[in-house]
């Protein structure tokens, strides 16, 4: 979607006002807007966002920061980055449109300035970024270049909650509606997500239990059983 900063300001204002646009027109029900802001599944803490990651809602990430509930979403294409964040308890929103990757730092700098918190969050963002780079470097060291297709064969197929483990042209993929993770074998015998943006580097473990039931675990987010063929 192509939108100006004024378009985005109108959009976040409508979100903050539970579906009522600035001209007073209701464009969505309050119940539906609130549902999109409600956490549906837990996700790992985002190292680029200070505070505690509460989870993923319907299109929005939700974070607890200094006692404030933050509702946020980011996007981008090559050479362009956008971020928006709602702070409902302050009737405040911040939108950043940029051709660089400092957008998250600007979000929290604006929030800290508004509440008078100082600039501690900027150091936390910088530390998180450096930790992420270190994790990616370690991930590269731990990845095994050869996939044992014979070993993974019994685990291929459909799992609960819409997950699918598939082998395509010698590459292993974990898929669900809207998600497609390339899986890379690591030295420990598990697999790691080689794609997925901020979700890259998650451990995926598959095993067959003593009862013969095959299960798949995606980091600490979810564990699902393989469905009968």
Foldseek 3Di string as FASTA:
>chain_A
DDDDPVRVVQVVLCLLVQQATPVRRRPDHSVVSVQQQDADFADQDQQQAPAHFRHHGNQWTWGQDPNWIKTKHKDDDQQKIKIKIAGNVVSDIDIDIGSDPCHSLVRVVVVCVVVVPPRPSNVSNVVSVVVVVVLVVVVVVFFDPADPCVVCVVVAAAWPPAWGWDADPNWIWIDGVVDIFTWTAGPVGWTFGCDDVSRGGWTKDWDQDPVRWIWIDTHPGDIITHDDD
